[in-house]
Amino acid sequence: MSPPPAAGYLAVQPPSSVNVVPVDMLACGPPAAGRLSWPGSRPPPRGRLRPPGCLRARSSNQPQHHLLGWSLGGGVALQYAIDHPGTVASVILESPMSPFGFGGTRDAGGIPCWPDYAGSGGGTASPEMVRRIEAGDRGTQDQTSPRQVLTHLYGNPVSVPREVEDALVESMLEMAIGPANYPGDTAASPNWPSAAPGERGVNNAISPKYCDLSGFAAPGGGPDVLWIRGDADLIVSDTSLVDLGHLGALGAIPGWPGPDVFPAQPMVGQMRAVLGRYQAAGGRYTERVLPGCGHSPHLERPAEFAAAVAGFLAGAATP
C-alpha cells in the first residue's frame, strides 16, 4: 500500500537523526511514489527482492538504515540486509512473511511440498478479490471486497477512523492488476492444487521457487531485529486463512491430498527457525507478540506498536 493522506494517524516518533522514507512495492501506489522492485519483468533470481535506490547511507563508516517492513515488506527488509551487509542499523519485522516465501512449503526448513512449487505463485490469489480490486469496489457487500479484506482479514479487526479506512482502501485500489503485476501469471501443474508459479508479478516473486531469505542467518551477526506480530494474525501464521494447505484441511479447496503431502505452511515456525539460527550465529533478535492482535499491529494497536518501535530504535542507536 502507498502512504495514505491519513498516514499521520500512526505517530511513531523516531530519533531526530532518522529520516523516514516511505516507499511502495512495484505496481502499488500512484505513479510518483517511490518503488521497491527488481530488474526486468520477471521475478528476481532466487532470494533477490530488490531495494529502492533512495536508500543511501549518509556516510561509509557506520550503518545508517533502520528498516521497517510490514508483511511482504518484511521480506524486502531482510533481502536488503542480506544484499547490503554493514549498511543496516536495525530491522523491524511487522507481521513478516515467511523467509521461505508464501505457499507450498511443508516444514521449518522450507522444503517444498512439490518439486514444481505448486500451491504458490500468481495462481493462488482469490480471483474474486482480484476482480473487485480491478473494478474499484469500495463497498462492503462481499467478504472479498477490498474494504472487507482490510478490516476483517488484515486485522482482528482493523477499526480506524473512517477517513483513514477510506484512504487505505483507495491505496489498495491503486494496485496494478494483471499477469505482470498483481497477482502475476501462473503455470499449470499436475500437482494439487493444479497451479504452479509463473514468471512475472508479485505473487511469483514471493513464491519459494524464487524467494529464499534464510541467508539472513549467515554467520557473523548483523543488525538487531525486532519481530513484532499479533497472535491472532489470519494471514501470516501456522494456520493461515490464505494458505492453500490450511484451506484444504478445512475443506475449502477440493482434492486436498492430506497433511502428509501438503500440510499448512508453518510460517511463524519458519521465521522463528531462521531467526534462531541468526541468533546462534551472533545476531540478536527480540520477538514481541501482541495478544488478540491480527496482521496489522500499526493499525490495531498503534500506541503499543509505536512504543515498541520507538523503544527498539532508541536501543538500536546505542552501541
C-alpha atoms as a PDB file:
ATOM      1  CA  MET A   1       0.000   0.000   0.000  1.00  0.00           C
ATOM      2  CA  SER A   2       1.115   3.560  -0.537  1.00  0.00           C
ATOM      3  CA  PRO A   3       1.093   6.007   2.383  1.00  0.00           C
ATOM      4  CA  PRO A   4      -2.482   7.350   2.662  1.00  0.00           C
ATOM      5  CA  PRO A   5      -3.322  11.012   3.354  1.00  0.00           C
ATOM      6  CA  ALA A   6      -4.124   9.937   6.928  1.00  0.00           C
ATOM      7  CA  ALA A   7      -0.709   8.314   7.446  1.00  0.00           C
ATOM      8  CA  GLY A   8      -0.102  10.630  10.397  1.00  0.00           C
ATOM      9  CA  TYR A   9      -2.634   8.538  12.327  1.00  0.00           C
ATOM     10  CA  LEU A  10       0.319   6.395  13.398  1.00  0.00           C
ATOM     11  CA  ALA A  11       2.569   8.683  15.384  1.00  0.00           C
ATOM     12  CA  VAL A  12       5.848   6.796  15.676  1.00  0.00           C
ATOM     13  CA  GLN A  13       8.395   9.389  16.725  1.00  0.00           C
ATOM     14  CA  PRO A  14      11.826   8.248  15.540  1.00  0.00           C
ATOM     15  CA  PRO A  15      15.062   9.792  16.814  1.00  0.00           C
ATOM     16  CA  SER A  16      15.796  13.167  15.236  1.00  0.00           C
ATOM     17  CA  SER A  17      18.718  11.642  13.323  1.00  0.00           C
ATOM     18  CA  VAL A  18      16.381   9.280  11.439  1.00  0.00           C
ATOM     19  CA  ASN A  19      14.845  10.390   8.143  1.00  0.00           C
ATOM     20  CA  VAL A  20      11.646   8.411   7.415  1.00  0.00           C
ATOM     21  CA  VAL A  21      11.246   7.432   3.734  1.00  0.00           C
ATOM     22  CA  PRO A  22       8.003   5.573   2.854  1.00  0.00           C
ATOM     23  CA  VAL A  23       8.181   3.539  -0.354  1.00  0.00           C
ATOM     24  CA  ASP A  24       5.839   1.375  -2.401  1.00  0.00           C
ATOM     25  CA  MET A  25       6.250  -2.016  -3.981  1.00  0.00           C
ATOM     26  CA  LEU A  26       6.363  -2.221  -7.762  1.00  0.00           C
ATOM     27  CA  ALA A  27       2.810  -1.891  -9.188  1.00  0.00           C
ATOM     28  CA  CYS A  28       1.467  -0.339  -5.970  1.00  0.00           C
ATOM     29  CA  GLY A  29       0.566   3.271  -5.354  1.00  0.00           C
ATOM     30  CA  PRO A  30       0.428   6.379  -7.534  1.00  0.00           C
ATOM     31  CA  PRO A  31       2.932   6.919 -10.370  1.00  0.00           C
ATOM     32  CA  ALA A  32       5.039   9.406  -8.394  1.00  0.00           C
ATOM     33  CA  ALA A  33       5.625   7.126  -5.405  1.00  0.00           C
ATOM     34  CA  GLY A  34       8.963   5.530  -4.598  1.00  0.00           C
ATOM     35  CA  ARG A  35       9.232   1.897  -5.663  1.00  0.00           C
ATOM     36  CA  LEU A  36      10.697  -1.339  -4.453  1.00  0.00           C
ATOM     37  CA  SER A  37      11.298  -3.503  -7.490  1.00  0.00           C
ATOM     38  CA  TRP A  38      13.574  -5.964  -9.228  1.00  0.00           C
ATOM     39  CA  PRO A  39      15.281  -5.733 -12.623  1.00  0.00           C
ATOM     40  CA  GLY A  40      13.220  -6.698 -15.636  1.00  0.00           C
ATOM     41  CA  SER A  41       9.696  -8.071 -15.831  1.00  0.00           C
ATOM     42  CA  ARG A  42      10.356 -11.484 -14.295  1.00  0.00           C
ATOM     43  CA  PRO A  43      10.792 -12.390 -10.638  1.00  0.00           C
ATOM     44  CA  PRO A  44      14.336 -11.996  -9.333  1.00  0.00           C
ATOM     45  CA  PRO A  45      16.797 -14.864  -9.104  1.00  0.00           C
ATOM     46  CA  ARG A  46      16.118 -16.960  -6.009  1.00  0.00           C
ATOM     47  CA  GLY A  47      16.221 -14.726  -2.943  1.00  0.00           C
ATOM     48  CA  ARG A  48      16.589 -11.391  -4.722  1.00  0.00           C
ATOM     49  CA  LEU A  49      13.890  -8.902  -3.739  1.00  0.00           C
ATOM     50  CA  ARG A  50      15.481  -5.606  -4.738  1.00  0.00           C
ATOM     51  CA  PRO A  51      15.524  -2.499  -2.502  1.00  0.00           C
ATOM     52  CA  PRO A  52      14.824   1.084  -3.625  1.00  0.00           C
ATOM     53  CA  GLY A  53      17.597   3.253  -4.925  1.00  0.00           C
ATOM     54  CA  CYS A  54      16.607   6.005  -2.482  1.00  0.00           C
ATOM     55  CA  LEU A  55      18.211   4.155   0.451  1.00  0.00           C
ATOM     56  CA  ARG A  56      21.739   5.506   0.558  1.00  0.00           C
ATOM     57  CA  ALA A  57      23.970   5.705   3.600  1.00  0.00           C
ATOM     58  CA  ARG A  58      24.934   9.214   4.708  1.00  0.00           C
ATOM     59  CA  SER A  59      28.479   8.038   5.480  1.00  0.00           C
ATOM     60  CA  SER A  60      30.508   4.948   4.787  1.00  0.00           C
ATOM     61  CA  ASN A  61      31.818   4.337   8.322  1.00  0.00           C
ATOM     62  CA  GLN A  62      28.628   3.192  10.045  1.00  0.00           C
ATOM     63  CA  PRO A  63      25.265   1.627   9.222  1.00  0.00           C
ATOM     64  CA  GLN A  64      22.517   4.194   8.662  1.00  0.00           C
ATOM     65  CA  HIS A  65      19.320   2.448   7.665  1.00  0.00           C
ATOM     66  CA  HIS A  66      16.645   1.365  10.110  1.00  0.00           C
ATOM     67  CA  LEU A  67      14.343  -0.800   8.004  1.00  0.00           C
ATOM     68  CA  LEU A  68      10.706  -1.447   8.915  1.00  0.00           C
ATOM     69  CA  GLY A  69       8.842  -3.917   6.736  1.00  0.00           C
ATOM     70  CA  TRP A  70       5.217  -5.000   7.139  1.00  0.00           C
ATOM     71  CA  SER A  71       4.075  -8.362   5.736  1.00  0.00           C
ATOM     72  CA  LEU A  72       5.732  -8.772   2.310  1.00  0.00           C
ATOM     73  CA  GLY A  73       7.793  -5.686   3.166  1.00  0.00           C
ATOM     74  CA  GLY A  74       9.470  -7.689   5.904  1.00  0.00           C
ATOM     75  CA  GLY A  75      10.895  -9.929   3.213  1.00  0.00           C
ATOM     76  CA  VAL A  76      12.203  -6.902   1.344  1.00  0.00           C
ATOM     77  CA  ALA A  77      13.873  -5.617   4.521  1.00  0.00           C
ATOM     78  CA  LEU A  78      15.616  -8.959   5.070  1.00  0.00           C
ATOM     79  CA  GLN A  79      16.785  -9.095   1.459  1.00  0.00           C
ATOM     80  CA  TYR A  80      18.176  -5.567   1.704  1.00  0.00           C
ATOM     81  CA  ALA A  81      20.136  -6.567   4.805  1.00  0.00           C
ATOM     82  CA  ILE A  82      21.464  -9.659   3.000  1.00  0.00           C
ATOM     83  CA  ASP A  83      22.473  -7.723  -0.107  1.00  0.00           C
ATOM     84  CA  HIS A  84      24.000  -4.742   1.749  1.00  0.00           C
ATOM     85  CA  PRO A  85      25.869  -6.068   4.792  1.00  0.00           C
ATOM     86  CA  GLY A  86      27.104  -3.415   7.179  1.00  0.00           C
ATOM     87  CA  THR A  87      24.681  -0.718   5.968  1.00  0.00           C
ATOM     88  CA  VAL A  88      21.650  -1.579   8.101  1.00  0.00           C
ATOM     89  CA  ALA A  89      21.447  -0.354  11.697  1.00  0.00           C
ATOM     90  CA  SER A  90      18.349  -2.374  12.619  1.00  0.00           C
ATOM     91  CA  VAL A  91      15.452  -4.316  11.127  1.00  0.00           C
ATOM     92  CA  ILE A  92      11.840  -4.192  12.326  1.00  0.00           C
ATOM     93  CA  LEU A  93       9.714  -7.043  11.013  1.00  0.00           C
ATOM     94  CA  GLU A  94       6.000  -6.361  11.446  1.00  0.00           C
ATOM     95  CA  SER A  95       3.931  -9.490  10.781  1.00  0.00           C
ATOM     96  CA  PRO A  96       6.526 -10.513   8.180  1.00  0.00           C
ATOM     97  CA  MET A  97       6.036 -13.158   5.547  1.00  0.00           C
ATOM     98  CA  SER A  98       7.987 -16.361   5.970  1.00  0.00           C
ATOM     99  CA  PRO A  99      11.646 -16.265   4.894  1.00  0.00           C
ATOM    100  CA  PHE A 100      10.677 -19.108   2.542  1.00  0.00           C
ATOM    101  CA  GLY A 101       8.053 -17.067   0.731  1.00  0.00           C
ATOM    102  CA  PHE A 102       4.335 -17.698   0.648  1.00  0.00           C
ATOM    103  CA  GLY A 103       2.768 -21.065  -0.008  1.00  0.00           C
ATOM    104  CA  GLY A 104       3.895 -24.524  -0.973  1.00  0.00           C
ATOM    105  CA  THR A 105       6.401 -25.442   1.759  1.00  0.00           C
ATOM    106  CA  ARG A 106       5.976 -28.085   4.422  1.00  0.00           C
ATOM    107  CA  ASP A 107       8.366 -27.624   7.371  1.00  0.00           C
ATOM    108  CA  ALA A 108      10.553 -25.205   9.303  1.00  0.00           C
ATOM    109  CA  GLY A 109      13.346 -25.699   6.767  1.00  0.00           C
ATOM    110  CA  GLY A 110      11.212 -24.535   3.826  1.00  0.00           C
ATOM    111  CA  ILE A 111      11.133 -27.875   1.979  1.00  0.00           C
ATOM    112  CA  PRO A 112       8.646 -27.609  -0.934  1.00  0.00           C
ATOM    113  CA  CYS A 113       5.583 -29.837  -0.999  1.00  0.00           C
ATOM    114  CA  TRP A 114       6.066 -30.417  -4.739  1.00  0.00           C
ATOM    115  CA  PRO A 115       9.141 -30.167  -6.993  1.00  0.00           C
ATOM    116  CA  ASP A 116       7.418 -27.519  -9.126  1.00  0.00           C
ATOM    117  CA  TYR A 117       6.377 -25.464  -6.066  1.00  0.00           C
ATOM    118  CA  ALA A 118       2.685 -25.935  -6.874  1.00  0.00           C
ATOM    119  CA  GLY A 119       0.467 -24.165  -4.376  1.00  0.00           C
ATOM    120  CA  SER A 120       2.388 -20.894  -4.583  1.00  0.00           C
ATOM    121  CA  GLY A 121       2.641 -18.040  -7.063  1.00  0.00           C
ATOM    122  CA  GLY A 122       0.241 -15.988  -9.128  1.00  0.00           C
ATOM    123  CA  GLY A 123      -2.467 -18.628  -9.343  1.00  0.00           C
ATOM    124  CA  THR A 124      -3.067 -18.727  -5.592  1.00  0.00           C
ATOM    125  CA  ALA A 125      -4.752 -15.328  -5.173  1.00  0.00           C
ATOM    126  CA  SER A 126      -8.520 -15.122  -4.801  1.00  0.00           C
ATOM    127  CA  PRO A 127      -9.844 -14.405  -8.320  1.00  0.00           C
ATOM    128  CA  GLU A 128     -12.877 -12.607  -6.904  1.00  0.00           C
ATOM    129  CA  MET A 129     -10.776 -10.321  -4.718  1.00  0.00           C
ATOM    130  CA  VAL A 130      -8.536  -9.521  -7.691  1.00  0.00           C
ATOM    131  CA  ARG A 131     -11.624  -8.746  -9.787  1.00  0.00           C
ATOM    132  CA  ARG A 132     -13.022  -6.422  -7.152  1.00  0.00           C
ATOM    133  CA  ILE A 133      -9.740  -4.521  -6.795  1.00  0.00           C
ATOM    134  CA  GLU A 134      -9.593  -4.038 -10.557  1.00  0.00           C
ATOM    135  CA  ALA A 135     -13.245  -2.937 -10.604  1.00  0.00           C
ATOM    136  CA  GLY A 136     -12.648  -0.335  -7.892  1.00  0.00           C
ATOM    137  CA  ASP A 137     -15.038  -1.916  -5.391  1.00  0.00           C
ATOM    138  CA  ARG A 138     -15.337   0.340  -2.318  1.00  0.00           C
ATOM    139  CA  GLY A 139     -18.295  -1.447  -0.764  1.00  0.00           C
ATOM    140  CA  THR A 140     -18.824  -3.991   1.997  1.00  0.00           C
ATOM    141  CA  GLN A 141     -21.246  -6.371   0.291  1.00  0.00           C
ATOM    142  CA  ASP A 142     -18.818  -9.260  -0.089  1.00  0.00           C
ATOM    143  CA  GLN A 143     -16.081 -10.701   2.121  1.00  0.00           C
ATOM    144  CA  THR A 144     -13.640 -10.475  -0.802  1.00  0.00           C
ATOM    145  CA  SER A 145     -14.181  -6.728  -1.294  1.00  0.00           C
ATOM    146  CA  PRO A 146     -11.045  -4.677  -0.574  1.00  0.00           C
ATOM    147  CA  ARG A 147     -12.716  -2.928   2.360  1.00  0.00           C
ATOM    148  CA  GLN A 148     -13.777  -6.197   3.983  1.00  0.00           C
ATOM    149  CA  VAL A 149     -10.342  -7.718   3.368  1.00  0.00           C
ATOM    150  CA  LEU A 150      -8.741  -4.697   5.031  1.00  0.00           C
ATOM    151  CA  THR A 151     -10.990  -4.576   8.070  1.00  0.00           C
ATOM    152  CA  HIS A 152     -11.571  -8.290   8.720  1.00  0.00           C
ATOM    153  CA  LEU A 153      -8.653 -10.230   7.194  1.00  0.00           C
ATOM    154  CA  TYR A 154      -5.867  -7.737   7.785  1.00  0.00           C
ATOM    155  CA  GLY A 155      -6.939  -7.213  11.384  1.00  0.00           C
ATOM    156  CA  ASN A 156      -8.860  -8.607  14.313  1.00  0.00           C
ATOM    157  CA  PRO A 157     -10.473  -6.312  13.259  1.00  0.00           C
ATOM    158  CA  VAL A 158      -8.956  -3.131  11.821  1.00  0.00           C
ATOM    159  CA  SER A 159     -11.027  -0.356  13.360  1.00  0.00           C
ATOM    160  CA  VAL A 160      -9.734   3.087  12.444  1.00  0.00           C
ATOM    161  CA  PRO A 161     -11.344   6.488  11.772  1.00  0.00           C
ATOM    162  CA  ARG A 162     -13.416   6.408   8.608  1.00  0.00           C
ATOM    163  CA  GLU A 163     -11.107   8.801   6.756  1.00  0.00           C
ATOM    164  CA  VAL A 164      -8.142   6.526   7.492  1.00  0.00           C
ATOM    165  CA  GLU A 165     -10.055   3.448   6.348  1.00  0.00           C
ATOM    166  CA  ASP A 166     -11.141   5.224   3.144  1.00  0.00           C
ATOM    167  CA  ALA A 167      -7.570   6.293   2.424  1.00  0.00           C
ATOM    168  CA  LEU A 168      -6.285   2.752   2.927  1.00  0.00           C
ATOM    169  CA  VAL A 169      -8.954   1.328   0.628  1.00  0.00           C
ATOM    170  CA  GLU A 170      -8.020   3.881  -2.037  1.00  0.00           C
ATOM    171  CA  SER A 171      -4.390   2.760  -1.706  1.00  0.00           C
ATOM    172  CA  MET A 172      -5.431  -0.855  -2.246  1.00  0.00           C
ATOM    173  CA  LEU A 173      -7.342   0.146  -5.370  1.00  0.00           C
ATOM    174  CA  GLU A 174      -4.224   1.795  -6.826  1.00  0.00           C
ATOM    175  CA  MET A 175      -2.566  -1.590  -7.329  1.00  0.00           C
ATOM    176  CA  ALA A 176      -1.806  -2.506 -10.928  1.00  0.00           C
ATOM    177  CA  ILE A 177      -3.672  -5.703 -11.765  1.00  0.00           C
ATOM    178  CA  GLY A 178      -2.550  -8.261 -14.336  1.00  0.00           C
ATOM    179  CA  PRO A 179      -0.150 -11.080 -15.120  1.00  0.00           C
ATOM    180  CA  ALA A 180       2.870  -8.755 -14.972  1.00  0.00           C
ATOM    181  CA  ASN A 181       1.853  -7.136 -11.691  1.00  0.00           C
ATOM    182  CA  TYR A 182      -0.649  -8.399  -9.111  1.00  0.00           C
ATOM    183  CA  PRO A 183      -1.116 -11.281  -8.709  1.00  0.00           C
ATOM    184  CA  GLY A 184       1.125 -12.372 -11.582  1.00  0.00           C
ATOM    185  CA  ASP A 185       0.920 -15.193 -14.084  1.00  0.00           C
ATOM    186  CA  THR A 186       0.677 -18.888 -13.322  1.00  0.00           C
ATOM    187  CA  ALA A 187       1.688 -22.246 -14.728  1.00  0.00           C
ATOM    188  CA  ALA A 188      -0.409 -25.400 -14.930  1.00  0.00           C
ATOM    189  CA  SER A 189       0.698 -28.239 -12.681  1.00  0.00           C
ATOM    190  CA  PRO A 190      -0.197 -31.928 -12.370  1.00  0.00           C
ATOM    191  CA  ASN A 191       0.118 -31.470  -8.617  1.00  0.00           C
ATOM    192  CA  TRP A 192      -2.556 -30.205  -6.243  1.00  0.00           C
ATOM    193  CA  PRO A 193      -3.913 -27.543  -6.424  1.00  0.00           C
ATOM    194  CA  SER A 194      -3.044 -27.580 -10.161  1.00  0.00           C
ATOM    195  CA  ALA A 195      -1.277 -24.203 -10.163  1.00  0.00           C
ATOM    196  CA  ALA A 196       2.482 -23.612 -10.011  1.00  0.00           C
ATOM    197  CA  PRO A 197       4.397 -20.309 -10.088  1.00  0.00           C
ATOM    198  CA  GLY A 198       4.670 -18.344 -13.289  1.00  0.00           C
ATOM    199  CA  GLU A 199       7.464 -15.934 -14.181  1.00  0.00           C
ATOM    200  CA  ARG A 200       6.019 -12.459 -13.633  1.00  0.00           C
ATOM    201  CA  GLY A 201       4.273 -10.491 -10.928  1.00  0.00           C
ATOM    202  CA  VAL A 202       4.442 -10.041  -7.186  1.00  0.00           C
ATOM    203  CA  ASN A 203       2.953 -13.350  -6.040  1.00  0.00           C
ATOM    204  CA  ASN A 204       5.545 -15.198  -8.090  1.00  0.00           C
ATOM    205  CA  ALA A 205       8.338 -13.094  -6.606  1.00  0.00           C
ATOM    206  CA  ILE A 206       7.318 -14.364  -3.148  1.00  0.00           C
ATOM    207  CA  SER A 207       6.942 -17.976  -4.231  1.00  0.00           C
ATOM    208  CA  PRO A 208       9.521 -20.247  -2.582  1.00  0.00           C
ATOM    209  CA  LYS A 209      10.623 -21.105  -6.113  1.00  0.00           C
ATOM    210  CA  TYR A 210      12.251 -17.671  -6.248  1.00  0.00           C
ATOM    211  CA  CYS A 211      12.297 -16.441  -2.641  1.00  0.00           C
ATOM    212  CA  ASP A 212      14.655 -17.817  -0.006  1.00  0.00           C
ATOM    213  CA  LEU A 213      15.719 -15.368   2.696  1.00  0.00           C
ATOM    214  CA  SER A 214      17.280 -17.923   5.021  1.00  0.00           C
ATOM    215  CA  GLY A 215      20.691 -16.494   4.099  1.00  0.00           C
ATOM    216  CA  PHE A 216      19.970 -13.728   6.617  1.00  0.00           C
ATOM    217  CA  ALA A 217      21.100 -16.236   9.261  1.00  0.00           C
ATOM    218  CA  ALA A 218      24.623 -16.495   7.837  1.00  0.00           C
ATOM    219  CA  PRO A 219      27.447 -16.467  10.421  1.00  0.00           C
ATOM    220  CA  GLY A 220      28.843 -13.137  11.502  1.00  0.00           C
ATOM    221  CA  GLY A 221      25.846 -11.451  13.066  1.00  0.00           C
ATOM    222  CA  GLY A 222      24.224  -8.320  11.731  1.00  0.00           C
ATOM    223  CA  PRO A 223      21.667  -5.685  12.716  1.00  0.00           C
ATOM    224  CA  ASP A 224      19.433  -6.086  15.740  1.00  0.00           C
ATOM    225  CA  VAL A 225      15.965  -7.338  14.794  1.00  0.00           C
ATOM    226  CA  LEU A 226      12.571  -6.614  16.329  1.00  0.00           C
ATOM    227  CA  TRP A 227       9.933  -9.140  15.243  1.00  0.00           C
ATOM    228  CA  ILE A 228       6.532  -7.824  16.233  1.00  0.00           C
ATOM    229  CA  ARG A 229       3.300  -9.631  15.446  1.00  0.00           C
ATOM    230  CA  GLY A 230      -0.175 -10.455  16.699  1.00  0.00           C
ATOM    231  CA  ASP A 231      -1.160 -13.906  17.898  1.00  0.00           C
ATOM    232  CA  ALA A 232      -4.491 -13.630  16.032  1.00  0.00           C
ATOM    233  CA  ASP A 233      -2.946 -12.989  12.599  1.00  0.00           C
ATOM    234  CA  LEU A 234      -5.101 -14.602   9.896  1.00  0.00           C
ATOM    235  CA  ILE A 235      -2.597 -14.050   7.074  1.00  0.00           C
ATOM    236  CA  VAL A 236       0.854 -14.925   8.420  1.00  0.00           C
ATOM    237  CA  SER A 237       0.516 -17.808  10.848  1.00  0.00           C
ATOM    238  CA  ASP A 238       0.928 -21.563  11.018  1.00  0.00           C
ATOM    239  CA  THR A 239      -2.812 -21.816  10.261  1.00  0.00           C
ATOM    240  CA  SER A 240      -3.202 -19.006   7.745  1.00  0.00           C
ATOM    241  CA  LEU A 241      -6.597 -18.479   6.152  1.00  0.00           C
ATOM    242  CA  VAL A 242      -4.907 -17.645   2.854  1.00  0.00           C
ATOM    243  CA  ASP A 243      -2.608 -20.685   2.857  1.00  0.00           C
ATOM    244  CA  LEU A 244      -3.889 -23.375   0.498  1.00  0.00           C
ATOM    245  CA  GLY A 245      -2.642 -26.216   2.703  1.00  0.00           C
ATOM    246  CA  HIS A 246      -4.682 -24.971   5.651  1.00  0.00           C
ATOM    247  CA  LEU A 247      -7.687 -24.152   3.466  1.00  0.00           C
ATOM    248  CA  GLY A 248      -7.512 -27.661   2.025  1.00  0.00           C
ATOM    249  CA  ALA A 249      -7.546 -29.139   5.519  1.00  0.00           C
ATOM    250  CA  LEU A 250     -10.650 -27.058   6.292  1.00  0.00           C
ATOM    251  CA  GLY A 251     -12.396 -28.478   3.218  1.00  0.00           C
ATOM    252  CA  ALA A 252     -12.461 -25.131   1.435  1.00  0.00           C
ATOM    253  CA  ILE A 253     -10.453 -26.387  -1.575  1.00  0.00           C
ATOM    254  CA  PRO A 254     -11.442 -29.750  -3.119  1.00  0.00           C
ATOM    255  CA  GLY A 255      -8.972 -32.559  -3.648  1.00  0.00           C
ATOM    256  CA  TRP A 256      -6.585 -31.762  -0.821  1.00  0.00           C
ATOM    257  CA  PRO A 257      -4.073 -34.667  -0.707  1.00  0.00           C
ATOM    258  CA  GLY A 258      -3.741 -34.611   3.086  1.00  0.00           C
ATOM    259  CA  PRO A 259      -1.249 -33.377   5.678  1.00  0.00           C
ATOM    260  CA  ASP A 260       1.463 -35.858   4.727  1.00  0.00           C
ATOM    261  CA  VAL A 261       1.597 -34.438   1.206  1.00  0.00           C
ATOM    262  CA  PHE A 262       0.545 -30.805   1.557  1.00  0.00           C
ATOM    263  CA  PRO A 263       0.378 -29.564   5.167  1.00  0.00           C
ATOM    264  CA  ALA A 264      -0.258 -25.993   6.169  1.00  0.00           C
ATOM    265  CA  GLN A 265       2.844 -23.838   5.786  1.00  0.00           C
ATOM    266  CA  PRO A 266       4.363 -23.202   9.254  1.00  0.00           C
ATOM    267  CA  MET A 267       5.054 -19.539   8.543  1.00  0.00           C
ATOM    268  CA  VAL A 268       5.705 -18.428  12.107  1.00  0.00           C
ATOM    269  CA  GLY A 269       7.764 -21.542  12.797  1.00  0.00           C
ATOM    270  CA  GLN A 270       9.859 -20.862   9.692  1.00  0.00           C
ATOM    271  CA  MET A 271      10.624 -17.296  10.739  1.00  0.00           C
ATOM    272  CA  ARG A 272      11.476 -18.409  14.277  1.00  0.00           C
ATOM    273  CA  ALA A 273      13.797 -21.103  12.917  1.00  0.00           C
ATOM    274  CA  VAL A 274      15.717 -18.653  10.712  1.00  0.00           C
ATOM    275  CA  LEU A 275      15.961 -16.000  13.443  1.00  0.00           C
ATOM    276  CA  GLY A 276      17.048 -18.705  15.874  1.00  0.00           C
ATOM    277  CA  ARG A 277      19.919 -19.587  13.542  1.00  0.00           C
ATOM    278  CA  TYR A 278      20.659 -15.873  13.183  1.00  0.00           C
ATOM    279  CA  GLN A 279      20.947 -15.592  16.964  1.00  0.00           C
ATOM    280  CA  ALA A 280      23.131 -18.690  17.198  1.00  0.00           C
ATOM    281  CA  ALA A 281      25.437 -17.139  14.568  1.00  0.00           C
ATOM    282  CA  GLY A 282      25.933 -13.977  16.604  1.00  0.00           C
ATOM    283  CA  GLY A 283      22.910 -11.841  15.723  1.00  0.00           C
ATOM    284  CA  ARG A 284      20.292 -10.559  18.133  1.00  0.00           C
ATOM    285  CA  TYR A 285      16.521 -10.551  17.814  1.00  0.00           C
ATOM    286  CA  THR A 286      13.502  -9.868  20.011  1.00  0.00           C
ATOM    287  CA  GLU A 287      10.082 -11.372  19.381  1.00  0.00           C
ATOM    288  CA  ARG A 288       7.160  -9.262  20.595  1.00  0.00           C
ATOM    289  CA  VAL A 289       3.715 -10.874  20.429  1.00  0.00           C
ATOM    290  CA  LEU A 290       0.568  -8.781  20.915  1.00  0.00           C
ATOM    291  CA  PRO A 291      -2.300 -10.899  22.316  1.00  0.00           C
ATOM    292  CA  GLY A 292      -5.526 -10.696  20.337  1.00  0.00           C
ATOM    293  CA  CYS A 293      -3.921  -8.632  17.572  1.00  0.00           C
ATOM    294  CA  GLY A 294      -4.154  -9.554  13.906  1.00  0.00           C
ATOM    295  CA  HIS A 295      -1.941  -8.846  10.902  1.00  0.00           C
ATOM    296  CA  SER A 296      -1.738  -5.053  11.333  1.00  0.00           C
ATOM    297  CA  PRO A 297      -0.362  -4.013  14.738  1.00  0.00           C
ATOM    298  CA  HIS A 298       0.288  -0.464  13.499  1.00  0.00           C
ATOM    299  CA  LEU A 299      -3.441  -0.081  12.785  1.00  0.00           C
ATOM    300  CA  GLU A 300      -4.926  -2.278  15.508  1.00  0.00           C
ATOM    301  CA  ARG A 301      -2.620  -1.323  18.383  1.00  0.00           C
ATOM    302  CA  PRO A 302      -0.987   1.944  17.258  1.00  0.00           C
ATOM    303  CA  ALA A 303       0.095   3.084  20.725  1.00  0.00           C
ATOM    304  CA  GLU A 304       1.694  -0.260  21.638  1.00  0.00           C
ATOM    305  CA  PHE A 305       3.274  -0.567  18.221  1.00  0.00           C
ATOM    306  CA  ALA A 306       4.652   2.983  18.314  1.00  0.00           C
ATOM    307  CA  ALA A 307       6.096   2.459  21.795  1.00  0.00           C
ATOM    308  CA  ALA A 308       7.729  -0.827  20.800  1.00  0.00           C
ATOM    309  CA  VAL A 309       9.270   0.669  17.655  1.00  0.00           C
ATOM    310  CA  ALA A 310      10.475   3.853  19.362  1.00  0.00           C
ATOM    311  CA  GLY A 311      11.990   1.882  22.239  1.00  0.00           C
ATOM    312  CA  PHE A 312      13.704  -0.520  19.878  1.00  0.00           C
ATOM    313  CA  LEU A 313      15.127   2.282  17.731  1.00  0.00           C
ATOM    314  CA  ALA A 314      16.473   4.040  20.822  1.00  0.00           C
ATOM    315  CA  GLY A 315      18.206   0.826  21.887  1.00  0.00           C
ATOM    316  CA  ALA A 316      19.487   0.093  18.395  1.00  0.00           C
ATOM    317  CA  ALA A 317      21.048   3.546  18.247  1.00  0.00           C
ATOM    318  CA  THR A 318      23.150   2.697  21.319  1.00  0.00           C
ATOM    319  CA  PRO A 319      26.446   0.877  20.562  1.00  0.00           C
END
